[in-house]
Amino acid sequence: MLKAQAVAVPPDSMLAPLYVGADLADAYAIRLPAGASDDLETLARATFERPPRWIRALTRMRDAIMATVGVKSSRAVRAAGAARGPVIGFFPLLSKSQGELVMGADDRHLDFRVAMLLRAGAAGIREVVVVTVVHCHNRLGRIYLAVILPFHRAIARASLEQAAKRWLSESGSNLRPAAD
């Protein structure tokens, strides 16, 4: 099975200037199957849209709890983003270049950015790297981040792994995932 791995935050990401003073800056990478698309928006949609049921349940729980303190729900973030342009999952698309796509939003408790980069390595091996950067504004943001951090890590890995399965099936690749 293809597994997502924690990696160092890439120094050449558009998000690199945000690493300084960040309350969270992390990155996860997964191998891209042969024959999978090079289009970052297609890859991002496979990663962030149609999440597994357990992630949707956690998101609904988060939205219900955070509504009590006036934090935007995922639906509100999506709606606000959609009013300005494209949205992937519930993340507003902020910028897109050939090698990197940046999504994110700002709220009263924190600002977050998510970048997806496509990397080419030796022997034609490609990988997708997802970077998350969070800057908390206040105590609520720091408490929120501390509570969701273990879930964030699990969700980041699971989202990439689910996407890799989609990429593998959609590419029609004969690539066999490496054994763990």
N, C-alpha and C. Protein backbone atom coordinates (compact mmCIF):
# COMPACT_ATOMS: atom_id res chain seq x y z
N MET A 1 0.84 -1.19 0.00
CA MET A 1 0.00 0.00 0.00
C MET A 1 0.88 1.25 0.00
N LEU A 2 0.47 2.26 -0.72
CA LEU A 2 1.19 3.52 -0.73
C LEU A 2 0.96 4.23 0.60
N LYS A 3 2.04 4.65 1.22
CA LYS A 3 1.95 5.31 2.53
C LYS A 3 2.46 6.73 2.47
N ALA A 4 1.74 7.63 3.10
CA ALA A 4 2.18 9.01 3.24
C ALA A 4 3.19 9.08 4.37
N GLN A 5 4.22 9.89 4.17
CA GLN A 5 5.28 10.03 5.15
C GLN A 5 5.45 11.51 5.53
N ALA A 6 5.74 11.76 6.79
CA ALA A 6 6.09 13.12 7.20
C ALA A 6 7.44 13.45 6.58
N VAL A 7 7.55 14.66 6.03
CA VAL A 7 8.79 15.13 5.41
C VAL A 7 9.06 16.54 5.90
N ALA A 8 10.26 17.02 5.65
CA ALA A 8 10.60 18.40 6.00
C ALA A 8 9.78 19.35 5.13
N VAL A 9 9.42 20.49 5.71
CA VAL A 9 8.70 21.48 4.91
C VAL A 9 9.63 21.95 3.79
N PRO A 10 9.13 22.00 2.57
CA PRO A 10 10.00 22.35 1.45
C PRO A 10 10.39 23.83 1.46
N PRO A 11 11.68 24.12 1.39
CA PRO A 11 12.14 25.51 1.45
C PRO A 11 11.75 26.33 0.22
N ASP A 12 11.41 25.66 -0.88
CA ASP A 12 11.06 26.38 -2.10
C ASP A 12 9.55 26.54 -2.30
N SER A 13 8.76 26.20 -1.30
CA SER A 13 7.32 26.40 -1.39
C SER A 13 6.98 27.88 -1.32
N MET A 14 5.87 28.24 -1.94
CA MET A 14 5.38 29.62 -1.82
C MET A 14 5.04 29.94 -0.36
N LEU A 15 4.82 28.92 0.44
CA LEU A 15 4.49 29.13 1.85
C LEU A 15 5.72 29.34 2.73
N ALA A 16 6.92 29.15 2.21
CA ALA A 16 8.15 29.24 3.01
C ALA A 16 8.24 30.52 3.84
N PRO A 17 7.86 31.69 3.31
CA PRO A 17 7.93 32.89 4.16
C PRO A 17 7.01 32.81 5.38
N LEU A 18 5.99 31.96 5.31
CA LEU A 18 5.05 31.83 6.44
C LEU A 18 5.56 30.87 7.52
N TYR A 19 6.62 30.12 7.24
CA TYR A 19 7.15 29.19 8.23
C TYR A 19 7.63 29.93 9.48
N VAL A 20 8.18 31.12 9.28
CA VAL A 20 8.73 31.89 10.40
C VAL A 20 7.59 32.27 11.35
N GLY A 21 7.73 31.88 12.59
CA GLY A 21 6.73 32.20 13.60
C GLY A 21 5.45 31.40 13.52
N ALA A 22 5.42 30.38 12.67
CA ALA A 22 4.20 29.57 12.53
C ALA A 22 3.96 28.74 13.78
N ASP A 23 2.69 28.58 14.12
CA ASP A 23 2.31 27.70 15.21
C ASP A 23 2.29 26.24 14.75
N LEU A 24 2.17 26.05 13.45
CA LEU A 24 2.27 24.73 12.84
C LEU A 24 2.82 24.91 11.44
N ALA A 25 3.81 24.11 11.11
CA ALA A 25 4.33 24.02 9.74
C ALA A 25 4.76 22.58 9.57
N ASP A 26 3.99 21.83 8.76
CA ASP A 26 4.34 20.44 8.54
C ASP A 26 4.10 20.06 7.10
N ALA A 27 4.62 18.91 6.72
CA ALA A 27 4.47 18.45 5.35
C ALA A 27 4.43 16.92 5.32
N TYR A 28 3.65 16.41 4.38
CA TYR A 28 3.52 14.97 4.16
C TYR A 28 3.66 14.73 2.67
N ALA A 29 4.30 13.61 2.32
CA ALA A 29 4.52 13.28 0.91
C ALA A 29 4.09 11.85 0.64
N ILE A 30 3.70 11.63 -0.61
CA ILE A 30 3.35 10.28 -1.06
C ILE A 30 3.76 10.14 -2.52
N ARG A 31 4.16 8.94 -2.88
CA ARG A 31 4.57 8.65 -4.25
C ARG A 31 3.36 8.73 -5.17
N LEU A 32 3.55 9.31 -6.32
CA LEU A 32 2.49 9.43 -7.32
C LEU A 32 2.63 8.26 -8.29
N PRO A 33 1.57 7.48 -8.46
CA PRO A 33 1.66 6.32 -9.37
C PRO A 33 1.98 6.74 -10.80
N ALA A 34 2.68 5.86 -11.51
CA ALA A 34 2.99 6.09 -12.92
C ALA A 34 1.68 6.27 -13.67
N GLY A 35 1.66 7.23 -14.57
CA GLY A 35 0.47 7.45 -15.38
C GLY A 35 -0.55 8.37 -14.75
N ALA A 36 -0.36 8.73 -13.48
CA ALA A 36 -1.29 9.65 -12.83
C ALA A 36 -1.11 11.05 -13.40
N SER A 37 -2.13 11.84 -13.31
CA SER A 37 -2.13 13.20 -13.84
C SER A 37 -1.03 14.05 -13.22
N ASP A 38 -0.54 15.02 -13.99
CA ASP A 38 0.40 16.03 -13.48
C ASP A 38 -0.33 17.31 -13.12
N ASP A 39 -1.64 17.35 -13.33
CA ASP A 39 -2.42 18.55 -13.06
C ASP A 39 -2.67 18.67 -11.55
N LEU A 40 -2.11 19.71 -10.95
CA LEU A 40 -2.22 19.87 -9.49
C LEU A 40 -3.67 20.01 -9.03
N GLU A 41 -4.49 20.69 -9.78
CA GLU A 41 -5.88 20.83 -9.35
C GLU A 41 -6.59 19.48 -9.34
N THR A 42 -6.33 18.64 -10.33
CA THR A 42 -6.90 17.30 -10.35
C THR A 42 -6.41 16.49 -9.15
N LEU A 43 -5.11 16.58 -8.88
CA LEU A 43 -4.54 15.86 -7.74
C LEU A 43 -5.12 16.38 -6.42
N ALA A 44 -5.28 17.69 -6.31
CA ALA A 44 -5.83 18.27 -5.08
C ALA A 44 -7.28 17.86 -4.88
N ARG A 45 -8.06 17.85 -5.95
CA ARG A 45 -9.46 17.44 -5.81
C ARG A 45 -9.55 15.99 -5.36
N ALA A 46 -8.69 15.13 -5.87
CA ALA A 46 -8.67 13.73 -5.44
C ALA A 46 -8.27 13.61 -3.97
N THR A 47 -7.49 14.56 -3.48
CA THR A 47 -7.01 14.52 -2.09
C THR A 47 -8.02 15.10 -1.12
N PHE A 48 -8.66 16.22 -1.48
CA PHE A 48 -9.46 16.96 -0.50
C PHE A 48 -10.96 16.88 -0.70
N GLU A 49 -11.41 16.35 -1.82
CA GLU A 49 -12.85 16.19 -2.02
C GLU A 49 -13.21 14.73 -1.76
N ARG A 50 -14.42 14.50 -1.36
CA ARG A 50 -14.92 13.15 -1.03
C ARG A 50 -14.07 12.46 0.04
N PRO A 51 -13.90 13.10 1.21
CA PRO A 51 -13.11 12.46 2.26
C PRO A 51 -13.85 11.24 2.83
N PRO A 52 -13.12 10.34 3.49
CA PRO A 52 -13.76 9.19 4.12
C PRO A 52 -14.79 9.65 5.17
N ARG A 53 -15.72 8.76 5.47
CA ARG A 53 -16.78 9.08 6.42
C ARG A 53 -16.26 9.56 7.77
N TRP A 54 -15.20 8.95 8.26
CA TRP A 54 -14.70 9.33 9.59
C TRP A 54 -14.17 10.76 9.58
N ILE A 55 -13.61 11.22 8.46
CA ILE A 55 -13.14 12.60 8.38
C ILE A 55 -14.34 13.54 8.29
N ARG A 56 -15.35 13.17 7.53
CA ARG A 56 -16.57 14.00 7.46
C ARG A 56 -17.22 14.10 8.84
N ALA A 57 -17.24 13.01 9.59
CA ALA A 57 -17.83 13.03 10.94
C ALA A 57 -17.04 13.96 11.86
N LEU A 58 -15.72 13.88 11.80
CA LEU A 58 -14.89 14.77 12.62
C LEU A 58 -15.10 16.24 12.22
N THR A 59 -15.25 16.49 10.93
CA THR A 59 -15.47 17.86 10.46
C THR A 59 -16.81 18.39 10.97
N ARG A 60 -17.85 17.56 10.92
CA ARG A 60 -19.16 17.99 11.45
C ARG A 60 -19.07 18.27 12.95
N MET A 61 -18.34 17.42 13.67
CA MET A 61 -18.18 17.63 15.11
C MET A 61 -17.41 18.93 15.36
N ARG A 62 -16.35 19.15 14.62
CA ARG A 62 -15.57 20.38 14.75
C ARG A 62 -16.44 21.59 14.50
N ASP A 63 -17.23 21.53 13.42
CA ASP A 63 -18.09 22.66 13.07
C ASP A 63 -19.10 22.96 14.18
N ALA A 64 -19.70 21.93 14.74
CA ALA A 64 -20.70 22.12 15.80
C ALA A 64 -20.06 22.72 17.05
N ILE A 65 -18.91 22.22 17.44
CA ILE A 65 -18.24 22.72 18.65
C ILE A 65 -17.75 24.15 18.44
N MET A 66 -17.11 24.40 17.31
CA MET A 66 -16.51 25.72 17.08
C MET A 66 -17.56 26.80 16.82
N ALA A 67 -18.76 26.41 16.38
CA ALA A 67 -19.84 27.39 16.19
C ALA A 67 -20.20 28.07 17.51
N THR A 68 -20.00 27.36 18.61
CA THR A 68 -20.34 27.93 19.92
C THR A 68 -19.42 29.09 20.31
N VAL A 69 -18.27 29.20 19.65
CA VAL A 69 -17.34 30.30 19.95
C VAL A 69 -17.16 31.23 18.75
N GLY A 70 -18.06 31.13 17.79
CA GLY A 70 -18.07 32.06 16.67
C GLY A 70 -17.05 31.82 15.58
N VAL A 71 -16.55 30.60 15.47
CA VAL A 71 -15.60 30.27 14.42
C VAL A 71 -16.37 29.75 13.20
N LYS A 72 -15.91 30.13 12.01
CA LYS A 72 -16.57 29.73 10.77
C LYS A 72 -16.60 28.20 10.63
N SER A 73 -17.72 27.71 10.14
CA SER A 73 -17.83 26.29 9.82
C SER A 73 -17.11 26.01 8.51
N SER A 74 -16.87 24.75 8.23
CA SER A 74 -16.26 24.38 6.96
C SER A 74 -17.17 24.82 5.80
N ARG A 75 -18.47 24.73 5.98
CA ARG A 75 -19.41 25.19 4.94
C ARG A 75 -19.30 26.69 4.72
N ALA A 76 -19.15 27.44 5.81
CA ALA A 76 -19.02 28.90 5.68
C ALA A 76 -17.71 29.27 4.99
N VAL A 77 -16.62 28.57 5.31
CA VAL A 77 -15.34 28.81 4.65
C VAL A 77 -15.48 28.52 3.16
N ARG A 78 -16.13 27.40 2.84
CA ARG A 78 -16.34 27.02 1.44
C ARG A 78 -17.19 28.07 0.72
N ALA A 79 -18.29 28.48 1.34
CA ALA A 79 -19.19 29.45 0.70
C ALA A 79 -18.50 30.79 0.47
N ALA A 80 -17.74 31.26 1.46
CA ALA A 80 -17.02 32.52 1.31
C ALA A 80 -15.97 32.41 0.21
N GLY A 81 -15.29 31.29 0.16
CA GLY A 81 -14.29 31.08 -0.89
C GLY A 81 -14.92 30.98 -2.27
N ALA A 82 -16.03 30.27 -2.36
CA ALA A 82 -16.71 30.09 -3.65
C ALA A 82 -17.23 31.42 -4.20
N ALA A 83 -17.53 32.36 -3.31
CA ALA A 83 -17.98 33.68 -3.76
C ALA A 83 -16.84 34.44 -4.45
N ARG A 84 -15.59 34.05 -4.15
CA ARG A 84 -14.42 34.73 -4.73
C ARG A 84 -13.76 33.95 -5.85
N GLY A 85 -14.02 32.63 -5.91
CA GLY A 85 -13.36 31.83 -6.95
C GLY A 85 -13.46 30.35 -6.67
N PRO A 86 -12.55 29.57 -7.25
CA PRO A 86 -12.59 28.11 -7.09
C PRO A 86 -12.34 27.67 -5.65
N VAL A 87 -12.94 26.55 -5.30
CA VAL A 87 -12.78 25.94 -3.98
C VAL A 87 -12.47 24.46 -4.21
N ILE A 88 -11.56 23.92 -3.43
CA ILE A 88 -11.22 22.50 -3.49
C ILE A 88 -11.52 21.91 -2.13
N GLY A 89 -12.46 20.97 -2.07
CA GLY A 89 -12.97 20.53 -0.78
C GLY A 89 -13.70 21.71 -0.18
N PHE A 90 -13.28 22.12 1.00
CA PHE A 90 -13.81 23.39 1.52
C PHE A 90 -12.74 24.47 1.55
N PHE A 91 -11.60 24.20 0.92
CA PHE A 91 -10.48 25.14 0.93
C PHE A 91 -10.57 26.09 -0.27
N PRO A 92 -10.64 27.40 -0.05
CA PRO A 92 -10.57 28.34 -1.16
C PRO A 92 -9.19 28.26 -1.84
N LEU A 93 -9.21 28.23 -3.16
CA LEU A 93 -7.97 28.21 -3.94
C LEU A 93 -7.44 29.64 -4.00
N LEU A 94 -6.23 29.84 -3.50
CA LEU A 94 -5.64 31.18 -3.45
C LEU A 94 -4.69 31.45 -4.60
N SER A 95 -3.92 30.44 -5.01
CA SER A 95 -3.01 30.63 -6.14
C SER A 95 -2.64 29.27 -6.72
N LYS A 96 -2.24 29.32 -7.99
CA LYS A 96 -1.86 28.09 -8.69
C LYS A 96 -0.76 28.42 -9.68
N SER A 97 0.32 27.66 -9.58
CA SER A 97 1.39 27.76 -10.57
C SER A 97 1.59 26.37 -11.14
N GLN A 98 2.54 26.22 -12.02
CA GLN A 98 2.77 24.90 -12.63
C GLN A 98 3.16 23.86 -11.58
N GLY A 99 3.93 24.26 -10.57
CA GLY A 99 4.43 23.29 -9.60
C GLY A 99 3.80 23.34 -8.23
N GLU A 100 2.90 24.30 -7.98
CA GLU A 100 2.34 24.42 -6.63
C GLU A 100 0.96 25.07 -6.65
N LEU A 101 0.13 24.56 -5.79
CA LEU A 101 -1.23 25.08 -5.62
C LEU A 101 -1.37 25.47 -4.15
N VAL A 102 -1.93 26.64 -3.86
CA VAL A 102 -2.08 27.11 -2.48
C VAL A 102 -3.55 27.38 -2.20
N MET A 103 -4.02 26.83 -1.07
CA MET A 103 -5.38 27.03 -0.61
C MET A 103 -5.32 27.57 0.82
N GLY A 104 -6.43 28.11 1.31
CA GLY A 104 -6.44 28.53 2.70
C GLY A 104 -7.50 29.55 3.00
N ALA A 105 -7.55 29.93 4.26
CA ALA A 105 -8.53 30.92 4.72
C ALA A 105 -8.05 31.52 6.03
N ASP A 106 -8.64 32.66 6.34
CA ASP A 106 -8.34 33.35 7.59
C ASP A 106 -9.61 33.39 8.43
N ASP A 107 -9.45 33.28 9.74
CA ASP A 107 -10.58 33.35 10.65
C ASP A 107 -10.13 34.11 11.89
N ARG A 108 -11.03 34.32 12.81
CA ARG A 108 -10.70 35.12 13.99
C ARG A 108 -9.70 34.42 14.92
N HIS A 109 -9.64 33.10 14.88
CA HIS A 109 -8.74 32.38 15.79
C HIS A 109 -7.41 32.01 15.15
N LEU A 110 -7.41 31.81 13.81
CA LEU A 110 -6.17 31.45 13.13
C LEU A 110 -6.30 31.64 11.64
N ASP A 111 -5.16 31.66 10.97
CA ASP A 111 -5.08 31.66 9.51
C ASP A 111 -4.38 30.36 9.12
N PHE A 112 -4.88 29.71 8.08
CA PHE A 112 -4.21 28.49 7.63
C PHE A 112 -4.00 28.53 6.13
N ARG A 113 -2.92 27.88 5.73
CA ARG A 113 -2.61 27.71 4.32
C ARG A 113 -2.23 26.26 4.11
N VAL A 114 -2.65 25.73 2.97
CA VAL A 114 -2.30 24.38 2.56
C VAL A 114 -1.74 24.50 1.14
N ALA A 115 -0.56 23.95 0.93
CA ALA A 115 0.03 23.94 -0.41
C ALA A 115 0.20 22.50 -0.86
N MET A 116 0.03 22.30 -2.15
CA MET A 116 0.30 21.00 -2.75
C MET A 116 1.35 21.22 -3.82
N LEU A 117 2.42 20.46 -3.73
CA LEU A 117 3.52 20.56 -4.68
C LEU A 117 3.70 19.21 -5.37
N LEU A 118 4.06 19.26 -6.63
CA LEU A 118 4.38 18.06 -7.39
C LEU A 118 5.88 18.05 -7.60
N ARG A 119 6.54 16.97 -7.17
CA ARG A 119 8.00 16.87 -7.25
C ARG A 119 8.39 15.71 -8.15
N ALA A 120 9.42 15.91 -8.95
CA ALA A 120 9.99 14.85 -9.78
C ALA A 120 11.33 14.47 -9.20
N GLY A 121 11.55 13.18 -9.06
CA GLY A 121 12.81 12.70 -8.50
C GLY A 121 13.55 11.86 -9.51
N ALA A 122 14.52 11.14 -9.00
CA ALA A 122 15.34 10.27 -9.83
C ALA A 122 14.49 9.15 -10.43
N ALA A 123 14.89 8.69 -11.58
CA ALA A 123 14.25 7.55 -12.26
C ALA A 123 12.77 7.78 -12.53
N GLY A 124 12.38 9.03 -12.70
CA GLY A 124 11.00 9.32 -13.04
C GLY A 124 10.00 9.19 -11.90
N ILE A 125 10.50 8.98 -10.68
CA ILE A 125 9.61 8.88 -9.52
C ILE A 125 9.08 10.27 -9.21
N ARG A 126 7.76 10.37 -9.08
CA ARG A 126 7.13 11.64 -8.73
C ARG A 126 6.45 11.49 -7.38
N GLU A 127 6.39 12.60 -6.66
CA GLU A 127 5.67 12.59 -5.39
C GLU A 127 4.87 13.86 -5.25
N VAL A 128 3.82 13.75 -4.45
CA VAL A 128 3.00 14.90 -4.09
C VAL A 128 3.34 15.24 -2.65
N VAL A 129 3.58 16.50 -2.40
CA VAL A 129 3.87 16.99 -1.05
C VAL A 129 2.76 17.96 -0.66
N VAL A 130 2.16 17.73 0.51
CA VAL A 130 1.15 18.65 1.04
C VAL A 130 1.73 19.32 2.27
N VAL A 131 1.73 20.66 2.25
CA VAL A 131 2.29 21.47 3.33
C VAL A 131 1.15 22.21 4.02
N THR A 132 1.18 22.24 5.33
CA THR A 132 0.20 23.01 6.10
C THR A 132 0.94 24.01 6.98
N VAL A 133 0.48 25.25 6.96
CA VAL A 133 1.04 26.29 7.82
C VAL A 133 -0.12 26.99 8.53
N VAL A 134 0.01 27.12 9.85
CA VAL A 134 -1.03 27.76 10.65
C VAL A 134 -0.40 28.84 11.52
N HIS A 135 -1.04 30.00 11.55
CA HIS A 135 -0.67 31.08 12.45
C HIS A 135 -1.88 31.37 13.33
N CYS A 136 -1.72 31.18 14.63
CA CYS A 136 -2.80 31.44 15.58
C CYS A 136 -2.80 32.92 15.95
N HIS A 137 -4.00 33.45 16.16
CA HIS A 137 -4.14 34.86 16.52
C HIS A 137 -4.30 35.08 18.02
N ASN A 138 -4.75 34.06 18.72
CA ASN A 138 -5.12 34.26 20.12
C ASN A 138 -5.14 32.92 20.85
N ARG A 139 -5.54 32.99 22.08
CA ARG A 139 -5.59 31.79 22.92
C ARG A 139 -6.53 30.73 22.34
N LEU A 140 -7.67 31.17 21.81
CA LEU A 140 -8.61 30.23 21.19
C LEU A 140 -7.92 29.47 20.06
N GLY A 141 -7.17 30.16 19.23
CA GLY A 141 -6.47 29.51 18.14
C GLY A 141 -5.45 28.50 18.63
N ARG A 142 -4.71 28.84 19.68
CA ARG A 142 -3.70 27.92 20.21
C ARG A 142 -4.35 26.70 20.85
N ILE A 143 -5.45 26.89 21.56
CA ILE A 143 -6.18 25.76 22.15
C ILE A 143 -6.74 24.87 21.04
N TYR A 144 -7.37 25.50 20.06
CA TYR A 144 -7.94 24.77 18.93
C TYR A 144 -6.86 23.92 18.25
N LEU A 145 -5.72 24.53 17.96
CA LEU A 145 -4.65 23.82 17.28
C LEU A 145 -4.14 22.64 18.12
N ALA A 146 -3.99 22.85 19.42
CA ALA A 146 -3.52 21.77 20.30
C ALA A 146 -4.50 20.59 20.28
N VAL A 147 -5.79 20.88 20.25
CA VAL A 147 -6.80 19.82 20.27
C VAL A 147 -6.84 19.08 18.93
N ILE A 148 -6.77 19.81 17.83
CA ILE A 148 -6.94 19.15 16.52
C ILE A 148 -5.66 18.57 15.95
N LEU A 149 -4.50 18.91 16.51
CA LEU A 149 -3.24 18.49 15.90
C LEU A 149 -3.13 16.98 15.66
N PRO A 150 -3.45 16.13 16.63
CA PRO A 150 -3.36 14.69 16.33
C PRO A 150 -4.31 14.27 15.20
N PHE A 151 -5.48 14.89 15.14
CA PHE A 151 -6.43 14.59 14.08
C PHE A 151 -5.90 15.10 12.74
N HIS A 152 -5.31 16.29 12.75
CA HIS A 152 -4.73 16.87 11.53
C HIS A 152 -3.72 15.90 10.93
N ARG A 153 -2.84 15.38 11.75
CA ARG A 153 -1.81 14.46 11.25
C ARG A 153 -2.43 13.21 10.62
N ALA A 154 -3.41 12.64 11.31
CA ALA A 154 -4.09 11.44 10.78
C ALA A 154 -4.85 11.76 9.50
N ILE A 155 -5.52 12.90 9.47
CA ILE A 155 -6.29 13.30 8.30
C ILE A 155 -5.38 13.58 7.11
N ALA A 156 -4.26 14.25 7.35
CA ALA A 156 -3.32 14.55 6.26
C ALA A 156 -2.82 13.26 5.62
N ARG A 157 -2.40 12.32 6.43
CA ARG A 157 -1.91 11.05 5.89
C ARG A 157 -3.02 10.28 5.19
N ALA A 158 -4.17 10.16 5.85
CA ALA A 158 -5.28 9.39 5.27
C ALA A 158 -5.77 10.01 3.96
N SER A 159 -5.80 11.33 3.89
CA SER A 159 -6.25 11.99 2.66
C SER A 159 -5.31 11.70 1.50
N LEU A 160 -4.02 11.77 1.76
CA LEU A 160 -3.05 11.47 0.70
C LEU A 160 -3.11 10.00 0.30
N GLU A 161 -3.26 9.11 1.27
CA GLU A 161 -3.31 7.68 0.96
C GLU A 161 -4.57 7.33 0.18
N GLN A 162 -5.69 7.93 0.54
CA GLN A 162 -6.93 7.69 -0.21
C GLN A 162 -6.78 8.24 -1.63
N ALA A 163 -6.19 9.42 -1.75
CA ALA A 163 -5.98 10.01 -3.07
C ALA A 163 -5.07 9.12 -3.92
N ALA A 164 -4.02 8.57 -3.32
CA ALA A 164 -3.10 7.71 -4.06
C ALA A 164 -3.84 6.50 -4.63
N LYS A 165 -4.78 5.96 -3.88
CA LYS A 165 -5.58 4.84 -4.38
C LYS A 165 -6.40 5.29 -5.59
N ARG A 166 -6.97 6.48 -5.51
CA ARG A 166 -7.73 7.01 -6.65
C ARG A 166 -6.82 7.24 -7.85
N TRP A 167 -5.64 7.84 -7.60
CA TRP A 167 -4.70 8.10 -8.69
C TRP A 167 -4.30 6.79 -9.36
N LEU A 168 -4.08 5.76 -8.53
CA LEU A 168 -3.67 4.45 -9.04
C LEU A 168 -4.77 3.85 -9.90
N SER A 169 -6.01 3.89 -9.43
CA SER A 169 -7.11 3.30 -10.20
C SER A 169 -7.43 4.14 -11.44
N GLU A 170 -7.35 5.46 -11.34
CA GLU A 170 -7.67 6.32 -12.47
C GLU A 170 -6.58 6.31 -13.54
N SER A 171 -5.35 6.03 -13.13
CA SER A 171 -4.25 6.04 -14.10
C SER A 171 -4.19 4.75 -14.89
N GLY A 172 -4.87 3.71 -14.37
CA GLY A 172 -4.79 2.41 -15.03
C GLY A 172 -3.40 1.83 -14.95
N SER A 173 -2.64 2.32 -13.97
CA SER A 173 -1.25 1.92 -13.82
C SER A 173 -1.13 0.47 -13.37
N ASN A 174 -0.07 -0.17 -13.82
CA ASN A 174 0.24 -1.51 -13.35
C ASN A 174 1.17 -1.47 -12.15
N LEU A 175 1.45 -0.28 -11.67
CA LEU A 175 2.32 -0.11 -10.52
C LEU A 175 1.75 -0.86 -9.33
N ARG A 176 2.54 -1.63 -8.71
CA ARG A 176 2.14 -2.31 -7.48
C ARG A 176 2.73 -1.55 -6.33
N PRO A 177 1.88 -1.12 -5.38
CA PRO A 177 2.41 -0.41 -4.23
C PRO A 177 3.44 -1.25 -3.50
N ALA A 178 4.46 -0.59 -2.99
CA ALA A 178 5.51 -1.27 -2.24
C ALA A 178 4.94 -1.81 -0.94
N ALA A 179 5.44 -2.95 -0.51
CA ALA A 179 5.04 -3.52 0.78
C ALA A 179 5.64 -2.70 1.90
N ASP A 180 4.92 -2.61 3.00
CA ASP A 180 5.41 -1.81 4.14
C ASP A 180 6.30 -2.63 5.04
